[in-house]
């Protein structure tokens, strides 16, 4: 899978594809925020320092008969 497919198929922009995992009958797509796209939420400046990260889990439409 490519980052382009994430954008065009799922509408996910500003993230990079990292891996695909298959667990408990589901397909998990591992993505991460693209550091080049990181901006200040207040003013939009690209001059920011990341203070940490939080893992989140989202549901998407199934791929075939497998939950995503």
PDB file of N, CA and C in Angstrom:
ATOM      1  N   UNK A   1       0.846  -1.171   0.000  1.00  0.00           N
ATOM      2  CA  UNK A   1       0.000   0.000   0.000  1.00  0.00           C
ATOM      3  C   UNK A   1       0.893   1.235   0.000  1.00  0.00           C
ATOM      4  N   UNK A   2       0.380   2.291  -0.546  1.00  0.00           N
ATOM      5  CA  UNK A   2       1.175   3.506  -0.612  1.00  0.00           C
ATOM      6  C   UNK A   2       0.445   4.656   0.081  1.00  0.00           C
ATOM      7  N   UNK A   3       1.185   5.703   0.348  1.00  0.00           N
ATOM      8  CA  UNK A   3       0.605   6.903   0.938  1.00  0.00           C
ATOM      9  C   UNK A   3      -0.425   7.495  -0.008  1.00  0.00           C
ATOM     10  N   UNK A   4      -0.183   7.382  -1.317  1.00  0.00           N
ATOM     11  CA  UNK A   4      -1.132   7.875  -2.311  1.00  0.00           C
ATOM     12  C   UNK A   4      -2.469   7.156  -2.204  1.00  0.00           C
ATOM     13  N   UNK A   5      -2.448   5.849  -1.973  1.00  0.00           N
ATOM     14  CA  UNK A   5      -3.683   5.090  -1.817  1.00  0.00           C
ATOM     15  C   UNK A   5      -4.429   5.518  -0.556  1.00  0.00           C
ATOM     16  N   UNK A   6      -3.716   5.804   0.520  1.00  0.00           N
ATOM     17  CA  UNK A   6      -4.370   6.303   1.736  1.00  0.00           C
ATOM     18  C   UNK A   6      -5.152   7.576   1.435  1.00  0.00           C
ATOM     19  N   UNK A   7      -4.548   8.454   0.658  1.00  0.00           N
ATOM     20  CA  UNK A   7      -5.186   9.729   0.338  1.00  0.00           C
ATOM     21  C   UNK A   7      -6.377   9.534  -0.596  1.00  0.00           C
ATOM     22  N   UNK A   8      -6.183   8.807  -1.678  1.00  0.00           N
ATOM     23  CA  UNK A   8      -7.233   8.685  -2.691  1.00  0.00           C
ATOM     24  C   UNK A   8      -8.351   7.724  -2.291  1.00  0.00           C
ATOM     25  N   UNK A   9      -8.046   6.636  -1.603  1.00  0.00           N
ATOM     26  CA  UNK A   9      -9.074   5.657  -1.243  1.00  0.00           C
ATOM     27  C   UNK A   9      -9.762   5.991   0.079  1.00  0.00           C
ATOM     28  N   UNK A  10      -9.003   6.473   1.065  1.00  0.00           N
ATOM     29  CA  UNK A  10      -9.558   6.721   2.386  1.00  0.00           C
ATOM     30  C   UNK A  10      -9.690   8.206   2.720  1.00  0.00           C
ATOM     31  N   UNK A  11      -9.119   9.090   1.905  1.00  0.00           N
ATOM     32  CA  UNK A  11      -9.199  10.519   2.177  1.00  0.00           C
ATOM     33  C   UNK A  11      -8.302  10.964   3.315  1.00  0.00           C
ATOM     34  N   UNK A  12      -7.227  10.196   3.583  1.00  0.00           N
ATOM     35  CA  UNK A  12      -6.305  10.509   4.675  1.00  0.00           C
ATOM     36  C   UNK A  12      -5.104  11.240   4.104  1.00  0.00           C
ATOM     37  N   UNK A  13      -4.920  12.506   4.467  1.00  0.00           N
ATOM     38  CA  UNK A  13      -3.798  13.294   3.977  1.00  0.00           C
ATOM     39  C   UNK A  13      -2.871  13.706   5.101  1.00  0.00           C
ATOM     40  N   UNK A  14      -1.603  13.920   4.792  1.00  0.00           N
ATOM     41  CA  UNK A  14      -0.640  14.373   5.794  1.00  0.00           C
ATOM     42  C   UNK A  14      -0.051  13.252   6.632  1.00  0.00           C
ATOM     43  N   UNK A  15      -0.289  12.010   6.226  1.00  0.00           N
ATOM     44  CA  UNK A  15       0.232  10.846   6.954  1.00  0.00           C
ATOM     45  C   UNK A  15       1.017   9.965   6.007  1.00  0.00           C
ATOM     46  N   UNK A  16       1.920   9.167   6.565  1.00  0.00           N
ATOM     47  CA  UNK A  16       2.707   8.221   5.768  1.00  0.00           C
ATOM     48  C   UNK A  16       2.352   6.794   6.173  1.00  0.00           C
ATOM     49  N   UNK A  17       2.243   5.927   5.186  1.00  0.00           N
ATOM     50  CA  UNK A  17       1.981   4.517   5.426  1.00  0.00           C
ATOM     51  C   UNK A  17       3.241   3.876   5.994  1.00  0.00           C
ATOM     52  N   UNK A  18       3.105   3.046   7.030  1.00  0.00           N
ATOM     53  CA  UNK A  18       4.236   2.367   7.637  1.00  0.00           C
ATOM     54  C   UNK A  18       4.161   0.856   7.502  1.00  0.00           C
ATOM     55  N   UNK A  19       3.002   0.246   7.758  1.00  0.00           N
ATOM     56  CA  UNK A  19       2.910  -1.218   7.743  1.00  0.00           C
ATOM     57  C   UNK A  19       1.455  -1.647   7.694  1.00  0.00           C
ATOM     58  N   UNK A  20       1.256  -2.917   7.389  1.00  0.00           N
ATOM     59  CA  UNK A  20      -0.060  -3.550   7.466  1.00  0.00           C
ATOM     60  C   UNK A  20       0.061  -4.725   8.419  1.00  0.00           C
ATOM     61  N   UNK A  21      -0.887  -4.831   9.342  1.00  0.00           N
ATOM     62  CA  UNK A  21      -0.910  -5.951  10.288  1.00  0.00           C
ATOM     63  C   UNK A  21      -2.245  -6.675  10.139  1.00  0.00           C
ATOM     64  N   UNK A  22      -2.198  -7.980  10.318  1.00  0.00           N
ATOM     65  CA  UNK A  22      -3.405  -8.795  10.267  1.00  0.00           C
ATOM     66  C   UNK A  22      -3.568  -9.445  11.638  1.00  0.00           C
ATOM     67  N   UNK A  23      -4.579  -9.021  12.385  1.00  0.00           N
ATOM     68  CA  UNK A  23      -4.761  -9.519  13.746  1.00  0.00           C
ATOM     69  C   UNK A  23      -6.241  -9.752  14.019  1.00  0.00           C
ATOM     70  N   UNK A  24      -6.559 -10.890  14.583  1.00  0.00           N
ATOM     71  CA  UNK A  24      -7.912 -11.234  15.014  1.00  0.00           C
ATOM     72  C   UNK A  24      -8.948 -10.998  13.914  1.00  0.00           C
ATOM     73  N   UNK A  25      -8.614 -11.384  12.683  1.00  0.00           N
ATOM     74  CA  UNK A  25      -9.541 -11.279  11.566  1.00  0.00           C
ATOM     75  C   UNK A  25      -9.707  -9.886  10.997  1.00  0.00           C
ATOM     76  N   UNK A  26      -8.885  -8.940  11.424  1.00  0.00           N
ATOM     77  CA  UNK A  26      -8.991  -7.559  10.944  1.00  0.00           C
ATOM     78  C   UNK A  26      -7.688  -7.145  10.261  1.00  0.00           C
ATOM     79  N   UNK A  27      -7.793  -6.153   9.404  1.00  0.00           N
ATOM     80  CA  UNK A  27      -6.626  -5.564   8.747  1.00  0.00           C
ATOM     81  C   UNK A  27      -6.331  -4.236   9.429  1.00  0.00           C
ATOM     82  N   UNK A  28      -5.106  -4.061   9.919  1.00  0.00           N
ATOM     83  CA  UNK A  28      -4.693  -2.810  10.560  1.00  0.00           C
ATOM     84  C   UNK A  28      -3.657  -2.126   9.682  1.00  0.00           C
ATOM     85  N   UNK A  29      -3.911  -0.896   9.341  1.00  0.00           N
ATOM     86  CA  UNK A  29      -2.961  -0.088   8.582  1.00  0.00           C
ATOM     87  C   UNK A  29      -2.246   0.823   9.566  1.00  0.00           C
ATOM     88  N   UNK A  30      -0.939   0.726   9.629  1.00  0.00           N
ATOM     89  CA  UNK A  30      -0.148   1.546  10.542  1.00  0.00           C
ATOM     90  C   UNK A  30       0.335   2.759   9.760  1.00  0.00           C
ATOM     91  N   UNK A  31      -0.034   3.943  10.237  1.00  0.00           N
ATOM     92  CA  UNK A  31       0.371   5.186   9.579  1.00  0.00           C
ATOM     93  C   UNK A  31       0.972   6.108  10.620  1.00  0.00           C
ATOM     94  N   UNK A  32       1.729   7.104  10.157  1.00  0.00           N
ATOM     95  CA  UNK A  32       2.279   8.106  11.066  1.00  0.00           C
ATOM     96  C   UNK A  32       2.174   9.474  10.414  1.00  0.00           C
ATOM     97  N   UNK A  33       2.096  10.484  11.261  1.00  0.00           N
ATOM     98  CA  UNK A  33       2.003  11.858  10.764  1.00  0.00           C
ATOM     99  C   UNK A  33       3.291  12.214  10.043  1.00  0.00           C
ATOM    100  N   UNK A  34       3.175  12.813   8.885  1.00  0.00           N
ATOM    101  CA  UNK A  34       4.336  13.237   8.106  1.00  0.00           C
ATOM    102  C   UNK A  34       4.934  14.478   8.771  1.00  0.00           C
ATOM    103  N   UNK A  35       6.186  14.403   9.257  1.00  0.00           N
ATOM    104  CA  UNK A  35       6.785  15.557   9.946  1.00  0.00           C
ATOM    105  C   UNK A  35       6.823  16.826   9.083  1.00  0.00           C
ATOM    106  N   UNK A  36       6.904  16.669   7.783  1.00  0.00           N
ATOM    107  CA  UNK A  36       6.921  17.835   6.902  1.00  0.00           C
ATOM    108  C   UNK A  36       5.574  18.565   6.908  1.00  0.00           C
ATOM    109  N   UNK A  37       4.518  17.891   7.320  1.00  0.00           N
ATOM    110  CA  UNK A  37       3.186  18.481   7.347  1.00  0.00           C
ATOM    111  C   UNK A  37       2.815  19.055   8.722  1.00  0.00           C
ATOM    112  N   UNK A  38       3.691  18.916   9.716  1.00  0.00           N
ATOM    113  CA  UNK A  38       3.408  19.351  11.077  1.00  0.00           C
ATOM    114  C   UNK A  38       3.296  20.878  11.148  1.00  0.00           C
ATOM    115  N   UNK A  39       2.209  21.363  11.727  1.00  0.00           N
ATOM    116  CA  UNK A  39       1.957  22.803  11.830  1.00  0.00           C
ATOM    117  C   UNK A  39       1.402  23.136  13.212  1.00  0.00           C
ATOM    118  N   UNK A  40       1.579  24.370  13.612  1.00  0.00           N
ATOM    119  CA  UNK A  40       0.991  24.880  14.844  1.00  0.00           C
ATOM    120  C   UNK A  40      -0.527  24.958  14.654  1.00  0.00           C
ATOM    121  N   UNK A  41      -1.281  24.430  15.629  1.00  0.00           N
ATOM    122  CA  UNK A  41      -2.732  24.456  15.535  1.00  0.00           C
ATOM    123  C   UNK A  41      -3.316  25.848  15.700  1.00  0.00           C
ATOM    124  N   UNK A  42      -2.545  26.761  16.296  1.00  0.00           N
ATOM    125  CA  UNK A  42      -3.043  28.115  16.543  1.00  0.00           C
ATOM    126  C   UNK A  42      -2.783  29.063  15.372  1.00  0.00           C
ATOM    127  N   UNK A  43      -1.510  29.121  14.908  1.00  0.00           N
ATOM    128  CA  UNK A  43      -1.159  30.106  13.874  1.00  0.00           C
ATOM    129  C   UNK A  43      -0.818  29.484  12.528  1.00  0.00           C
ATOM    130  N   UNK A  44      -0.631  28.151  12.467  1.00  0.00           N
ATOM    131  CA  UNK A  44      -0.313  27.491  11.208  1.00  0.00           C
ATOM    132  C   UNK A  44       1.162  27.486  10.854  1.00  0.00           C
ATOM    133  N   UNK A  45       2.023  27.963  11.746  1.00  0.00           N
ATOM    134  CA  UNK A  45       3.459  28.019  11.481  1.00  0.00           C
ATOM    135  C   UNK A  45       4.065  26.621  11.422  1.00  0.00           C
ATOM    136  N   UNK A  46       5.062  26.444  10.546  1.00  0.00           N
ATOM    137  CA  UNK A  46       5.782  25.177  10.445  1.00  0.00           C
ATOM    138  C   UNK A  46       6.936  25.121  11.445  1.00  0.00           C
ATOM    139  N   UNK A  47       7.191  26.208  12.163  1.00  0.00           N
ATOM    140  CA  UNK A  47       8.287  26.287  13.127  1.00  0.00           C
ATOM    141  C   UNK A  47       7.794  25.788  14.487  1.00  0.00           C
ATOM    142  N   UNK A  48       7.647  24.459  14.621  1.00  0.00           N
ATOM    143  CA  UNK A  48       7.128  23.862  15.846  1.00  0.00           C
ATOM    144  C   UNK A  48       8.058  22.755  16.332  1.00  0.00           C
ATOM    145  N   UNK A  49       7.949  22.443  17.608  1.00  0.00           N
ATOM    146  CA  UNK A  49       8.700  21.342  18.204  1.00  0.00           C
ATOM    147  C   UNK A  49       7.675  20.332  18.717  1.00  0.00           C
ATOM    148  N   UNK A  50       7.775  19.096  18.240  1.00  0.00           N
ATOM    149  CA  UNK A  50       6.860  18.056  18.696  1.00  0.00           C
ATOM    150  C   UNK A  50       7.127  17.706  20.150  1.00  0.00           C
ATOM    151  N   UNK A  51       6.096  17.679  20.979  1.00  0.00           N
ATOM    152  CA  UNK A  51       6.262  17.433  22.405  1.00  0.00           C
ATOM    153  C   UNK A  51       5.862  16.014  22.799  1.00  0.00           C
ATOM    154  N   UNK A  52       5.630  15.153  21.820  1.00  0.00           N
ATOM    155  CA  UNK A  52       5.237  13.781  22.137  1.00  0.00           C
ATOM    156  C   UNK A  52       4.328  13.229  21.065  1.00  0.00           C
ATOM    157  N   UNK A  53       3.858  12.029  21.311  1.00  0.00           N
ATOM    158  CA  UNK A  53       2.945  11.425  20.361  1.00  0.00           C
ATOM    159  C   UNK A  53       1.929  10.568  21.100  1.00  0.00           C
ATOM    160  N   UNK A  54       0.809  10.384  20.460  1.00  0.00           N
ATOM    161  CA  UNK A  54      -0.270   9.593  21.029  1.00  0.00           C
ATOM    162  C   UNK A  54      -0.739   8.624  19.954  1.00  0.00           C
ATOM    163  N   UNK A  55      -0.806   7.341  20.289  1.00  0.00           N
ATOM    164  CA  UNK A  55      -1.352   6.372  19.352  1.00  0.00           C
ATOM    165  C   UNK A  55      -2.858   6.418  19.404  1.00  0.00           C
ATOM    166  N   UNK A  56      -3.478   6.383  18.234  1.00  0.00           N
ATOM    167  CA  UNK A  56      -4.934   6.376  18.155  1.00  0.00           C
ATOM    168  C   UNK A  56      -5.367   5.251  17.238  1.00  0.00           C
ATOM    169  N   UNK A  57      -6.569   4.800  17.416  1.00  0.00           N
ATOM    170  CA  UNK A  57      -7.118   3.726  16.596  1.00  0.00           C
ATOM    171  C   UNK A  57      -8.412   4.238  15.951  1.00  0.00           C
ATOM    172  N   UNK A  58      -8.496   4.095  14.628  1.00  0.00           N
ATOM    173  CA  UNK A  58      -9.667   4.518  13.878  1.00  0.00           C
ATOM    174  C   UNK A  58     -10.264   3.327  13.157  1.00  0.00           C
ATOM    175  N   UNK A  59     -11.537   3.380  12.907  1.00  0.00           N
ATOM    176  CA  UNK A  59     -12.194   2.366  12.092  1.00  0.00           C
ATOM    177  C   UNK A  59     -12.446   2.946  10.712  1.00  0.00           C
ATOM    178  N   UNK A  60     -12.316   2.098   9.710  1.00  0.00           N
ATOM    179  CA  UNK A  60     -12.577   2.501   8.333  1.00  0.00           C
ATOM    180  C   UNK A  60     -13.529   1.484   7.713  1.00  0.00           C
ATOM    181  N   UNK A  61     -13.920   1.738   6.486  1.00  0.00           N
ATOM    182  CA  UNK A  61     -14.786   0.786   5.789  1.00  0.00           C
ATOM    183  C   UNK A  61     -14.008  -0.527   5.603  1.00  0.00           C
ATOM    184  N   UNK A  62     -14.704  -1.649   5.597  1.00  0.00           N
ATOM    185  CA  UNK A  62     -14.019  -2.939   5.446  1.00  0.00           C
ATOM    186  C   UNK A  62     -13.318  -3.053   4.100  1.00  0.00           C
ATOM    187  N   UNK A  63     -12.242  -3.812   4.091  1.00  0.00           N
ATOM    188  CA  UNK A  63     -11.576  -4.189   2.856  1.00  0.00           C
ATOM    189  C   UNK A  63     -11.950  -5.636   2.619  1.00  0.00           C
ATOM    190  N   UNK A  64     -12.781  -5.874   1.608  1.00  0.00           N
ATOM    191  CA  UNK A  64     -13.329  -7.211   1.411  1.00  0.00           C
ATOM    192  C   UNK A  64     -14.292  -7.507   2.551  1.00  0.00           C
ATOM    193  N   UNK A  65     -14.112  -8.650   3.202  1.00  0.00           N
ATOM    194  CA  UNK A  65     -14.964  -9.033   4.335  1.00  0.00           C
ATOM    195  C   UNK A  65     -14.255  -8.828   5.669  1.00  0.00           C
ATOM    196  N   UNK A  66     -13.100  -8.163   5.660  1.00  0.00           N
ATOM    197  CA  UNK A  66     -12.330  -7.960   6.892  1.00  0.00           C
ATOM    198  C   UNK A  66     -12.510  -6.540   7.413  1.00  0.00           C
ATOM    199  N   UNK A  67     -12.764  -6.394   8.713  1.00  0.00           N
ATOM    200  CA  UNK A  67     -12.805  -5.043   9.302  1.00  0.00           C
ATOM    201  C   UNK A  67     -11.448  -4.356   9.146  1.00  0.00           C
ATOM    202  N   UNK A  68     -11.468  -3.054   9.019  1.00  0.00           N
ATOM    203  CA  UNK A  68     -10.244  -2.271   8.861  1.00  0.00           C
ATOM    204  C   UNK A  68     -10.173  -1.218   9.946  1.00  0.00           C
TER     205      UNK A  68
END
